[in-house]
Amino acid sequence: MIKTFENCSPEYQITIVCFFIFLTLLCMILVIYEGTGKRQRKMLLLDSVLLIVIFLITAVLCV
């Protein structure tokens, strides 16, 4: 049976939220680092969309 996020233990919730925050920060650093080089606009846009999606997932889990 699958548990919902709100029914999980607080330790599990904190672990998942910290993981997504770390993933968001890592993705943001990579987008900034890769944006300083000469990259194709399409790839930079894809990375930015991925960053926004990860941030939104983290925000929803924190609420």
Protein backbone atom coordinates (compact mmCIF):
# COMPACT_ATOMS: atom_id res chain seq x y z
CA MET A 1 0.00 0.00 0.00
CA ILE A 2 1.32 3.43 -0.93
CA LYS A 3 1.45 6.08 1.79
CA THR A 4 0.75 9.71 1.04
CA PHE A 5 3.40 12.23 1.93
CA GLU A 6 1.39 13.73 4.80
CA ASN A 7 0.90 10.31 6.42
CA CYS A 8 4.62 9.52 6.48
CA SER A 9 6.78 9.96 9.55
CA PRO A 10 8.33 13.41 10.12
CA GLU A 11 11.83 12.01 9.62
CA TYR A 12 10.88 10.70 6.19
CA GLN A 13 9.25 14.02 5.26
CA ILE A 14 12.33 16.00 6.31
CA THR A 15 14.58 13.65 4.36
CA ILE A 16 12.53 13.99 1.17
CA VAL A 17 12.26 17.78 1.46
CA CYS A 18 16.02 18.13 2.12
CA PHE A 19 16.73 15.91 -0.89
CA PHE A 20 14.61 18.08 -3.17
CA ILE A 21 16.13 21.30 -1.77
CA PHE A 22 19.60 19.89 -2.41
CA LEU A 23 18.53 18.81 -5.91
CA THR A 24 17.14 22.30 -6.60
CA LEU A 25 20.35 24.00 -5.46
CA LEU A 26 22.51 21.60 -7.46
CA CYS A 27 20.42 22.13 -10.58
CA MET A 28 20.52 25.90 -10.10
CA ILE A 29 24.30 25.88 -9.76
CA LEU A 30 24.64 23.74 -12.88
CA VAL A 31 22.32 26.03 -14.87
CA ILE A 32 24.33 29.09 -13.83
CA TYR A 33 27.64 27.37 -14.51
CA GLU A 34 26.56 26.08 -17.91
CA GLY A 35 24.90 29.40 -18.76
CA THR A 36 28.24 31.18 -18.56
CA GLY A 37 29.64 29.04 -21.35
CA LYS A 38 28.50 28.97 -24.94
CA ARG A 39 25.51 26.65 -24.90
CA GLN A 40 22.60 26.26 -27.19
CA ARG A 41 19.57 28.26 -26.15
CA LYS A 42 17.35 25.16 -26.32
CA MET A 43 19.44 23.25 -23.77
CA LEU A 44 19.57 26.22 -21.41
CA LEU A 45 15.78 26.53 -21.62
CA LEU A 46 15.38 22.82 -20.86
CA ASP A 47 17.60 23.12 -17.79
CA SER A 48 15.67 26.15 -16.59
CA VAL A 49 12.36 24.30 -16.94
CA LEU A 50 13.80 21.37 -14.99
CA LEU A 51 14.90 23.76 -12.24
CA ILE A 52 11.42 25.28 -12.01
CA VAL A 53 9.78 21.84 -11.85
CA ILE A 54 12.09 20.68 -9.06
CA PHE A 55 11.50 23.92 -7.16
CA LEU A 56 7.72 23.55 -7.46
CA ILE A 57 7.86 19.95 -6.23
CA THR A 58 9.89 21.11 -3.22
CA ALA A 59 7.48 23.96 -2.53
CA VAL A 60 4.47 21.64 -2.67
CA LEU A 61 6.12 19.17 -0.28
CA CYS A 62 6.92 21.95 2.19
CA VAL A 63 3.31 23.16 2.37
